[in-house]
Amino acid sequence: MNLGDFLIENEVMMRLGFFFGMFLVMGLLELAFPRRKLLFSKTIRWLNNMGLVFLNSLLLRILFPLAATGVAAWVTSHSWGFLNIFNIGTPLSFIVSILILDMAIWAQHVLVHHVPALWRLHRVHHADPDFDVTTGARFHPLEIIFSMLLKFLVILLLGPSVAAVIVFEILLNATAMFNHANVRLPTSLDRYLRLIMVTPDMHRVHHSMIRSETNSNFGFNLPWWDYLYGTYCSQPAKGHEAMEIGIPEFQNTKQITQLQGMLTIPFVSEQTTHRGKR
């Protein structure tokens, strides 16, 4: 059995294993080495954020039962996409696939920040008033559907192997939980680590209430696109402990921390209200 066949046969177990494994590791590290003091009830936020994750997972399973790997299998069998047409060799094709898919996710992230209709969906992610491992998977169902359709398009044009898509999906999910974790890394480790991957301190800047900081550090996995396109911001102006997380116009506690409120965010106007009891 080659690597591709192994990944296909064990995809579900591997993805679940990496998801829950990384979630457990980062959750424990948050308890042991917290970067910031959380302002809201962790129990309420975690229950509702994870409720949104399960809702999204169920929706994707119903709408796209074969998901991205099914599209990759189809393009491979029909020799669609750049990589299948030019046949540049398996090792190089694998690396190119990971890089292009990651750049596509970065570009999508930039897009949802600058297109008003898409930003309305993406506000659900940024409206989280605290920043921890569950924030990394907190997205509105409509944004999840949009993201999946865009990923299908990239796969159709690129023609990556099924193995490359599975590895990329696992990496993306794992790194999203890592770089959203409320974890304090040693400064020296963070400095070198962010040369090759997005760290929690690097991505936390992106969740600042300051607009210029929100529109920076769009990477989830690789940091190089932000370096290359000038969207990198090293540190928040107020420092990580004092910086404010969230969206200034969304401060209603029930709306930003409870599932039913999060689902309505794309459909309401931005309006400032007082925070309720924390």
C-alpha atoms as a PDB file:
ATOM      1  CA  MET A   1       0.000   0.000   0.000  1.00  0.00           C
ATOM      2  CA  ASN A   2       1.429   3.378  -0.989  1.00  0.00           C
ATOM      3  CA  LEU A   3       1.147   6.584   1.055  1.00  0.00           C
ATOM      4  CA  GLY A   4      -1.801   7.892  -0.935  1.00  0.00           C
ATOM      5  CA  ASP A   5      -3.865   4.737  -0.438  1.00  0.00           C
ATOM      6  CA  PHE A   6      -3.012   4.689   3.277  1.00  0.00           C
ATOM      7  CA  LEU A   7      -4.088   8.322   3.721  1.00  0.00           C
ATOM      8  CA  ILE A   8      -7.336   7.779   1.823  1.00  0.00           C
ATOM      9  CA  GLU A   9      -8.280   4.668   3.801  1.00  0.00           C
ATOM     10  CA  ASN A  10      -7.475   6.312   7.143  1.00  0.00           C
ATOM     11  CA  GLU A  11      -8.464   9.901   6.400  1.00  0.00           C
ATOM     12  CA  VAL A  12     -11.344  10.186   8.847  1.00  0.00           C
ATOM     13  CA  MET A  13      -9.475   8.615  11.748  1.00  0.00           C
ATOM     14  CA  MET A  14      -6.356  10.674  11.051  1.00  0.00           C
ATOM     15  CA  ARG A  15      -8.235  13.955  10.829  1.00  0.00           C
ATOM     16  CA  LEU A  16     -10.195  13.262  14.001  1.00  0.00           C
ATOM     17  CA  GLY A  17      -7.056  12.076  15.760  1.00  0.00           C
ATOM     18  CA  PHE A  18      -5.060  15.160  14.861  1.00  0.00           C
ATOM     19  CA  PHE A  19      -7.976  17.476  15.661  1.00  0.00           C
ATOM     20  CA  PHE A  20      -8.723  16.113  19.115  1.00  0.00           C
ATOM     21  CA  GLY A  21      -5.049  15.458  19.832  1.00  0.00           C
ATOM     22  CA  MET A  22      -4.018  19.021  19.031  1.00  0.00           C
ATOM     23  CA  PHE A  23      -7.089  20.393  20.800  1.00  0.00           C
ATOM     24  CA  LEU A  24      -6.185  18.478  23.978  1.00  0.00           C
ATOM     25  CA  VAL A  25      -2.501  19.460  23.856  1.00  0.00           C
ATOM     26  CA  MET A  26      -3.186  23.171  23.282  1.00  0.00           C
ATOM     27  CA  GLY A  27      -5.984  23.195  25.850  1.00  0.00           C
ATOM     28  CA  LEU A  28      -3.633  21.801  28.497  1.00  0.00           C
ATOM     29  CA  LEU A  29      -0.866  24.227  27.513  1.00  0.00           C
ATOM     30  CA  GLU A  30      -3.333  27.106  27.856  1.00  0.00           C
ATOM     31  CA  LEU A  31      -3.971  26.038  31.436  1.00  0.00           C
ATOM     32  CA  ALA A  32      -0.272  25.664  32.224  1.00  0.00           C
ATOM     33  CA  PHE A  33       1.144  28.673  30.331  1.00  0.00           C
ATOM     34  CA  PRO A  34      -1.620  31.226  29.630  1.00  0.00           C
ATOM     35  CA  ARG A  35      -0.625  34.303  27.603  1.00  0.00           C
ATOM     36  CA  ARG A  36      -3.594  36.457  28.600  1.00  0.00           C
ATOM     37  CA  LYS A  37      -6.237  36.431  31.297  1.00  0.00           C
ATOM     38  CA  LEU A  38      -9.561  35.509  29.727  1.00  0.00           C
ATOM     39  CA  LEU A  39     -12.316  38.071  30.287  1.00  0.00           C
ATOM     40  CA  PHE A  40     -15.360  35.875  29.720  1.00  0.00           C
ATOM     41  CA  SER A  41     -16.565  32.547  31.048  1.00  0.00           C
ATOM     42  CA  LYS A  42     -14.460  29.847  29.423  1.00  0.00           C
ATOM     43  CA  THR A  43     -17.182  27.241  29.941  1.00  0.00           C
ATOM     44  CA  ILE A  44     -19.819  29.266  28.072  1.00  0.00           C
ATOM     45  CA  ARG A  45     -17.451  30.233  25.246  1.00  0.00           C
ATOM     46  CA  TRP A  46     -16.114  26.714  24.769  1.00  0.00           C
ATOM     47  CA  LEU A  47     -19.572  25.101  24.753  1.00  0.00           C
ATOM     48  CA  ASN A  48     -20.894  27.568  22.201  1.00  0.00           C
ATOM     49  CA  ASN A  49     -17.773  27.737  20.024  1.00  0.00           C
ATOM     50  CA  MET A  50     -17.579  23.961  19.887  1.00  0.00           C
ATOM     51  CA  GLY A  51     -21.314  23.797  19.238  1.00  0.00           C
ATOM     52  CA  LEU A  52     -20.667  25.876  16.125  1.00  0.00           C
ATOM     53  CA  VAL A  53     -17.868  23.473  15.119  1.00  0.00           C
ATOM     54  CA  PHE A  54     -20.174  20.455  15.340  1.00  0.00           C
ATOM     55  CA  LEU A  55     -22.915  22.296  13.443  1.00  0.00           C
ATOM     56  CA  ASN A  56     -20.459  23.146  10.654  1.00  0.00           C
ATOM     57  CA  SER A  57     -19.118  19.588  10.525  1.00  0.00           C
ATOM     58  CA  LEU A  58     -22.633  18.169  10.198  1.00  0.00           C
ATOM     59  CA  LEU A  59     -23.535  20.698   7.501  1.00  0.00           C
ATOM     60  CA  LEU A  60     -20.422  19.908   5.447  1.00  0.00           C
ATOM     61  CA  ARG A  61     -21.037  16.184   5.751  1.00  0.00           C
ATOM     62  CA  ILE A  62     -24.573  16.658   4.395  1.00  0.00           C
ATOM     63  CA  LEU A  63     -23.733  19.126   1.603  1.00  0.00           C
ATOM     64  CA  PHE A  64     -20.307  17.816   0.563  1.00  0.00           C
ATOM     65  CA  PRO A  65     -20.028  14.168   1.650  1.00  0.00           C
ATOM     66  CA  LEU A  66     -16.838  13.608  -0.381  1.00  0.00           C
ATOM     67  CA  ALA A  67     -15.358  16.996   0.592  1.00  0.00           C
ATOM     68  CA  ALA A  68     -12.044  18.237  -0.833  1.00  0.00           C
ATOM     69  CA  THR A  69     -10.526  14.763  -1.101  1.00  0.00           C
ATOM     70  CA  GLY A  70     -13.357  13.654  -3.378  1.00  0.00           C
ATOM     71  CA  VAL A  71     -12.697  16.582  -5.713  1.00  0.00           C
ATOM     72  CA  ALA A  72      -8.973  15.794  -5.675  1.00  0.00           C
ATOM     73  CA  ALA A  73      -9.685  12.161  -6.565  1.00  0.00           C
ATOM     74  CA  TRP A  74     -11.893  13.267  -9.468  1.00  0.00           C
ATOM     75  CA  VAL A  75      -9.347  15.711 -10.937  1.00  0.00           C
ATOM     76  CA  THR A  76      -6.610  13.095 -10.639  1.00  0.00           C
ATOM     77  CA  SER A  77      -8.664  10.431 -12.413  1.00  0.00           C
ATOM     78  CA  HIS A  78      -9.573  12.899 -15.182  1.00  0.00           C
ATOM     79  CA  SER A  79      -6.093  14.503 -15.402  1.00  0.00           C
ATOM     80  CA  TRP A  80      -7.453  17.957 -14.714  1.00  0.00           C
ATOM     81  CA  GLY A  81      -5.415  20.829 -13.323  1.00  0.00           C
ATOM     82  CA  PHE A  82      -1.982  22.323 -13.859  1.00  0.00           C
ATOM     83  CA  LEU A  83      -0.056  19.638 -11.989  1.00  0.00           C
ATOM     84  CA  ASN A  84      -1.707  16.780 -13.892  1.00  0.00           C
ATOM     85  CA  ILE A  85      -1.226  18.438 -17.260  1.00  0.00           C
ATOM     86  CA  PHE A  86       2.475  19.188 -16.800  1.00  0.00           C
ATOM     87  CA  ASN A  87       3.333  16.140 -14.641  1.00  0.00           C
ATOM     88  CA  ILE A  88       6.264  17.717 -12.776  1.00  0.00           C
ATOM     89  CA  GLY A  89       6.927  14.673 -10.587  1.00  0.00           C
ATOM     90  CA  THR A  90       5.383  13.441  -7.361  1.00  0.00           C
ATOM     91  CA  PRO A  91       7.722  14.978  -4.715  1.00  0.00           C
ATOM     92  CA  LEU A  92       7.767  18.425  -6.315  1.00  0.00           C
ATOM     93  CA  SER A  93       4.053  18.245  -7.091  1.00  0.00           C
ATOM     94  CA  PHE A  94       3.329  17.447  -3.443  1.00  0.00           C
ATOM     95  CA  ILE A  95       5.330  20.454  -2.201  1.00  0.00           C
ATOM     96  CA  VAL A  96       3.827  22.800  -4.794  1.00  0.00           C
ATOM     97  CA  SER A  97       0.343  21.614  -3.846  1.00  0.00           C
ATOM     98  CA  ILE A  98       0.856  22.410  -0.154  1.00  0.00           C
ATOM     99  CA  LEU A  99       2.299  25.851  -0.953  1.00  0.00           C
ATOM    100  CA  ILE A 100      -0.389  26.844  -3.459  1.00  0.00           C
ATOM    101  CA  LEU A 101      -3.239  25.598  -1.279  1.00  0.00           C
ATOM    102  CA  ASP A 102      -1.834  27.534   1.664  1.00  0.00           C
ATOM    103  CA  MET A 103      -1.448  30.705  -0.408  1.00  0.00           C
ATOM    104  CA  ALA A 104      -5.041  30.268  -1.600  1.00  0.00           C
ATOM    105  CA  ILE A 105      -6.278  30.118   2.002  1.00  0.00           C
ATOM    106  CA  TRP A 106      -4.234  33.251   2.774  1.00  0.00           C
ATOM    107  CA  ALA A 107      -5.738  35.034  -0.259  1.00  0.00           C
ATOM    108  CA  GLN A 108      -9.226  33.958   0.779  1.00  0.00           C
ATOM    109  CA  HIS A 109      -8.583  35.382   4.230  1.00  0.00           C
ATOM    110  CA  VAL A 110      -7.554  38.712   2.729  1.00  0.00           C
ATOM    111  CA  LEU A 111     -10.659  38.618   0.532  1.00  0.00           C
ATOM    112  CA  VAL A 112     -13.119  38.126   3.396  1.00  0.00           C
ATOM    113  CA  HIS A 113     -11.624  41.138   5.143  1.00  0.00           C
ATOM    114  CA  HIS A 114     -12.003  43.467   2.165  1.00  0.00           C
ATOM    115  CA  VAL A 115     -15.281  42.416   0.531  1.00  0.00           C
ATOM    116  CA  PRO A 116     -18.122  43.801   2.708  1.00  0.00           C
ATOM    117  CA  ALA A 117     -20.548  40.907   2.136  1.00  0.00           C
ATOM    118  CA  LEU A 118     -17.865  38.350   3.035  1.00  0.00           C
ATOM    119  CA  TRP A 119     -16.685  40.386   6.022  1.00  0.00           C
ATOM    120  CA  ARG A 120     -20.207  40.151   7.452  1.00  0.00           C
ATOM    121  CA  LEU A 121     -19.726  36.369   7.560  1.00  0.00           C
ATOM    122  CA  HIS A 122     -16.158  36.535   8.832  1.00  0.00           C
ATOM    123  CA  ARG A 123     -17.172  38.836  11.706  1.00  0.00           C
ATOM    124  CA  VAL A 124     -18.321  35.729  13.598  1.00  0.00           C
ATOM    125  CA  HIS A 125     -14.681  34.637  13.884  1.00  0.00           C
ATOM    126  CA  HIS A 126     -13.410  38.063  14.952  1.00  0.00           C
ATOM    127  CA  ALA A 127     -16.288  38.846  17.308  1.00  0.00           C
ATOM    128  CA  ASP A 128     -15.000  36.274  19.805  1.00  0.00           C
ATOM    129  CA  PRO A 129     -14.169  38.493  22.813  1.00  0.00           C
ATOM    130  CA  ASP A 130     -11.355  36.203  23.945  1.00  0.00           C
ATOM    131  CA  PHE A 131      -8.667  34.377  21.992  1.00  0.00           C
ATOM    132  CA  ASP A 132      -7.980  30.713  22.618  1.00  0.00           C
ATOM    133  CA  VAL A 133      -7.871  27.320  20.910  1.00  0.00           C
ATOM    134  CA  THR A 134     -11.628  27.254  20.232  1.00  0.00           C
ATOM    135  CA  THR A 135     -11.434  30.566  18.327  1.00  0.00           C
ATOM    136  CA  GLY A 136      -9.475  28.754  15.616  1.00  0.00           C
ATOM    137  CA  ALA A 137     -12.551  26.760  14.601  1.00  0.00           C
ATOM    138  CA  ARG A 138     -15.233  29.407  15.191  1.00  0.00           C
ATOM    139  CA  PHE A 139     -16.683  30.308  11.772  1.00  0.00           C
ATOM    140  CA  HIS A 140     -20.190  30.965  10.489  1.00  0.00           C
ATOM    141  CA  PRO A 141     -21.675  28.053   8.474  1.00  0.00           C
ATOM    142  CA  LEU A 142     -22.082  30.262   5.393  1.00  0.00           C
ATOM    143  CA  GLU A 143     -18.383  31.168   5.497  1.00  0.00           C
ATOM    144  CA  ILE A 144     -17.503  27.488   5.831  1.00  0.00           C
ATOM    145  CA  ILE A 145     -19.558  26.716   2.714  1.00  0.00           C
ATOM    146  CA  PHE A 146     -17.935  29.597   0.811  1.00  0.00           C
ATOM    147  CA  SER A 147     -14.483  28.437   1.890  1.00  0.00           C
ATOM    148  CA  MET A 148     -15.164  24.862   0.776  1.00  0.00           C
ATOM    149  CA  LEU A 149     -16.442  25.951  -2.643  1.00  0.00           C
ATOM    150  CA  LEU A 150     -13.388  28.153  -3.152  1.00  0.00           C
ATOM    151  CA  LYS A 151     -11.162  25.251  -2.156  1.00  0.00           C
ATOM    152  CA  PHE A 152     -12.918  23.046  -4.715  1.00  0.00           C
ATOM    153  CA  LEU A 153     -12.141  25.641  -7.408  1.00  0.00           C
ATOM    154  CA  VAL A 154      -8.463  25.790  -6.451  1.00  0.00           C
ATOM    155  CA  ILE A 155      -8.226  21.992  -6.517  1.00  0.00           C
ATOM    156  CA  LEU A 156      -9.868  21.857  -9.949  1.00  0.00           C
ATOM    157  CA  LEU A 157      -7.392  24.387 -11.349  1.00  0.00           C
ATOM    158  CA  LEU A 158      -4.300  23.060  -9.566  1.00  0.00           C
ATOM    159  CA  GLY A 159      -4.888  19.289  -9.747  1.00  0.00           C
ATOM    160  CA  PRO A 160      -3.200  18.214  -6.463  1.00  0.00           C
ATOM    161  CA  SER A 161      -3.048  14.579  -5.413  1.00  0.00           C
ATOM    162  CA  VAL A 162      -5.468  13.215  -2.831  1.00  0.00           C
ATOM    163  CA  ALA A 163      -2.549  12.674  -0.450  1.00  0.00           C
ATOM    164  CA  ALA A 164      -1.483  16.326  -0.735  1.00  0.00           C
ATOM    165  CA  VAL A 165      -5.015  17.548  -0.020  1.00  0.00           C
ATOM    166  CA  ILE A 166      -5.392  15.299   3.032  1.00  0.00           C
ATOM    167  CA  VAL A 167      -2.014  16.365   4.449  1.00  0.00           C
ATOM    168  CA  PHE A 168      -2.829  20.024   3.812  1.00  0.00           C
ATOM    169  CA  GLU A 169      -6.222  19.750   5.528  1.00  0.00           C
ATOM    170  CA  ILE A 170      -4.636  18.100   8.569  1.00  0.00           C
ATOM    171  CA  LEU A 171      -1.896  20.750   8.722  1.00  0.00           C
ATOM    172  CA  LEU A 172      -4.383  23.600   8.348  1.00  0.00           C
ATOM    173  CA  ASN A 173      -6.640  22.342  11.143  1.00  0.00           C
ATOM    174  CA  ALA A 174      -3.722  21.624  13.478  1.00  0.00           C
ATOM    175  CA  THR A 175      -1.951  24.932  12.906  1.00  0.00           C
ATOM    176  CA  ALA A 176      -5.210  26.905  13.236  1.00  0.00           C
ATOM    177  CA  MET A 177      -5.637  25.521  16.747  1.00  0.00           C
ATOM    178  CA  PHE A 178      -1.974  26.095  17.545  1.00  0.00           C
ATOM    179  CA  ASN A 179      -1.830  29.720  16.440  1.00  0.00           C
ATOM    180  CA  HIS A 180      -5.123  30.620  18.124  1.00  0.00           C
ATOM    181  CA  ALA A 181      -4.053  29.130  21.447  1.00  0.00           C
ATOM    182  CA  ASN A 182      -3.797  31.347  24.515  1.00  0.00           C
ATOM    183  CA  VAL A 183      -0.277  30.072  25.132  1.00  0.00           C
ATOM    184  CA  ARG A 184       2.841  31.924  26.217  1.00  0.00           C
ATOM    185  CA  LEU A 185       5.848  30.790  24.179  1.00  0.00           C
ATOM    186  CA  PRO A 186       9.393  31.810  25.137  1.00  0.00           C
ATOM    187  CA  THR A 187      10.283  34.973  23.212  1.00  0.00           C
ATOM    188  CA  SER A 188      13.360  33.408  21.651  1.00  0.00           C
ATOM    189  CA  LEU A 189      11.368  30.367  20.472  1.00  0.00           C
ATOM    190  CA  ASP A 190       8.614  32.555  19.031  1.00  0.00           C
ATOM    191  CA  ARG A 191      11.145  34.695  17.159  1.00  0.00           C
ATOM    192  CA  TYR A 192      12.589  31.728  15.277  1.00  0.00           C
ATOM    193  CA  LEU A 193       9.386  29.706  14.995  1.00  0.00           C
ATOM    194  CA  ARG A 194       7.537  32.489  13.176  1.00  0.00           C
ATOM    195  CA  LEU A 195      10.085  32.258  10.378  1.00  0.00           C
ATOM    196  CA  ILE A 196       8.493  28.980   9.283  1.00  0.00           C
ATOM    197  CA  MET A 197       4.992  28.958  10.800  1.00  0.00           C
ATOM    198  CA  VAL A 198       2.379  31.288  12.251  1.00  0.00           C
ATOM    199  CA  THR A 199       2.707  31.471  16.036  1.00  0.00           C
ATOM    200  CA  PRO A 200       0.022  32.428  18.598  1.00  0.00           C
ATOM    201  CA  ASP A 201       1.636  35.821  19.245  1.00  0.00           C
ATOM    202  CA  MET A 202       1.826  36.498  15.517  1.00  0.00           C
ATOM    203  CA  HIS A 203      -1.800  35.641  14.803  1.00  0.00           C
ATOM    204  CA  ARG A 204      -3.191  37.236  17.969  1.00  0.00           C
ATOM    205  CA  VAL A 205      -2.296  40.630  16.474  1.00  0.00           C
ATOM    206  CA  HIS A 206      -4.809  39.868  13.712  1.00  0.00           C
ATOM    207  CA  HIS A 207      -7.617  39.711  16.310  1.00  0.00           C
ATOM    208  CA  SER A 208      -6.902  43.183  17.686  1.00  0.00           C
ATOM    209  CA  MET A 209      -9.683  45.787  17.761  1.00  0.00           C
ATOM    210  CA  ILE A 210      -7.332  48.217  16.015  1.00  0.00           C
ATOM    211  CA  ARG A 211      -8.264  48.104  12.327  1.00  0.00           C
ATOM    212  CA  SER A 212      -4.705  48.317  10.959  1.00  0.00           C
ATOM    213  CA  GLU A 213      -3.713  45.354  13.129  1.00  0.00           C
ATOM    214  CA  THR A 214      -6.828  43.378  12.169  1.00  0.00           C
ATOM    215  CA  ASN A 215      -5.811  43.803   8.532  1.00  0.00           C
ATOM    216  CA  SER A 216      -2.435  42.166   9.064  1.00  0.00           C
ATOM    217  CA  ASN A 217      -1.029  38.662   9.702  1.00  0.00           C
ATOM    218  CA  PHE A 218      -3.613  36.821   7.588  1.00  0.00           C
ATOM    219  CA  GLY A 219      -1.692  33.535   7.546  1.00  0.00           C
ATOM    220  CA  PHE A 220      -3.006  30.426   9.295  1.00  0.00           C
ATOM    221  CA  ASN A 221      -0.196  28.002   8.528  1.00  0.00           C
ATOM    222  CA  LEU A 222       2.757  29.551   6.708  1.00  0.00           C
ATOM    223  CA  PRO A 223       3.825  33.157   7.521  1.00  0.00           C
ATOM    224  CA  TRP A 224       5.638  33.813   4.246  1.00  0.00           C
ATOM    225  CA  TRP A 225       2.713  35.347   2.342  1.00  0.00           C
ATOM    226  CA  ASP A 226       2.376  38.124   4.918  1.00  0.00           C
ATOM    227  CA  TYR A 227       6.117  38.793   4.708  1.00  0.00           C
ATOM    228  CA  LEU A 228       5.993  38.784   0.913  1.00  0.00           C
ATOM    229  CA  TYR A 229       2.934  41.007   0.450  1.00  0.00           C
ATOM    230  CA  GLY A 230       3.649  43.479   3.243  1.00  0.00           C
ATOM    231  CA  THR A 231       0.807  42.500   5.572  1.00  0.00           C
ATOM    232  CA  TYR A 232       3.047  41.428   8.456  1.00  0.00           C
ATOM    233  CA  CYS A 233       2.811  43.156  11.841  1.00  0.00           C
ATOM    234  CA  SER A 234       5.303  42.035  14.463  1.00  0.00           C
ATOM    235  CA  GLN A 235       3.565  43.082  17.692  1.00  0.00           C
ATOM    236  CA  PRO A 236       0.334  44.819  18.769  1.00  0.00           C
ATOM    237  CA  ALA A 237       0.695  48.488  19.685  1.00  0.00           C
ATOM    238  CA  LYS A 238      -0.685  47.939  23.207  1.00  0.00           C
ATOM    239  CA  GLY A 239       1.195  44.697  23.864  1.00  0.00           C
ATOM    240  CA  HIS A 240      -0.347  41.243  24.062  1.00  0.00           C
ATOM    241  CA  GLU A 241      -1.632  41.527  27.626  1.00  0.00           C
ATOM    242  CA  ALA A 242      -3.299  44.935  27.154  1.00  0.00           C
ATOM    243  CA  MET A 243      -4.547  44.626  23.567  1.00  0.00           C
ATOM    244  CA  GLU A 244      -8.312  44.442  23.114  1.00  0.00           C
ATOM    245  CA  ILE A 245      -9.707  41.415  21.299  1.00  0.00           C
ATOM    246  CA  GLY A 246     -12.839  41.405  19.133  1.00  0.00           C
ATOM    247  CA  ILE A 247     -14.847  43.882  17.076  1.00  0.00           C
ATOM    248  CA  PRO A 248     -15.620  47.257  18.712  1.00  0.00           C
ATOM    249  CA  GLU A 249     -19.137  47.396  17.262  1.00  0.00           C
ATOM    250  CA  PHE A 250     -20.092  43.965  18.612  1.00  0.00           C
ATOM    251  CA  GLN A 251     -20.071  43.994  22.395  1.00  0.00           C
ATOM    252  CA  ASN A 252     -23.361  42.346  23.334  1.00  0.00           C
ATOM    253  CA  THR A 253     -22.330  39.382  25.467  1.00  0.00           C
ATOM    254  CA  LYS A 254     -25.083  36.988  24.355  1.00  0.00           C
ATOM    255  CA  GLN A 255     -24.535  37.795  20.677  1.00  0.00           C
ATOM    256  CA  ILE A 256     -20.773  37.226  20.716  1.00  0.00           C
ATOM    257  CA  THR A 257     -20.559  34.257  23.101  1.00  0.00           C
ATOM    258  CA  GLN A 258     -23.721  32.209  22.522  1.00  0.00           C
ATOM    259  CA  LEU A 259     -24.452  30.056  19.485  1.00  0.00           C
ATOM    260  CA  GLN A 260     -27.785  31.575  18.529  1.00  0.00           C
ATOM    261  CA  GLY A 261     -26.292  35.061  18.720  1.00  0.00           C
ATOM    262  CA  MET A 262     -23.227  34.144  16.660  1.00  0.00           C
ATOM    263  CA  LEU A 263     -25.422  32.772  13.886  1.00  0.00           C
ATOM    264  CA  THR A 264     -27.202  36.138  13.568  1.00  0.00           C
ATOM    265  CA  ILE A 265     -24.066  38.328  13.367  1.00  0.00           C
ATOM    266  CA  PRO A 266     -23.888  38.416   9.522  1.00  0.00           C
ATOM    267  CA  PHE A 267     -27.469  39.646   9.324  1.00  0.00           C
ATOM    268  CA  VAL A 268     -27.372  42.558  11.763  1.00  0.00           C
ATOM    269  CA  SER A 269     -25.852  46.014  11.466  1.00  0.00           C
ATOM    270  CA  GLU A 270     -22.740  46.770  13.465  1.00  0.00           C
ATOM    271  CA  GLN A 271     -23.893  48.502  16.580  1.00  0.00           C
ATOM    272  CA  THR A 272     -22.228  49.152  19.889  1.00  0.00           C
ATOM    273  CA  THR A 273     -24.020  47.884  22.972  1.00  0.00           C
ATOM    274  CA  HIS A 274     -22.850  47.503  26.549  1.00  0.00           C
ATOM    275  CA  ARG A 275     -21.309  44.234  27.621  1.00  0.00           C
ATOM    276  CA  GLY A 276     -23.470  42.170  29.866  1.00  0.00           C
ATOM    277  CA  LYS A 277     -22.341  40.096  32.826  1.00  0.00           C
ATOM    278  CA  ARG A 278     -19.116  38.204  32.127  1.00  0.00           C
END
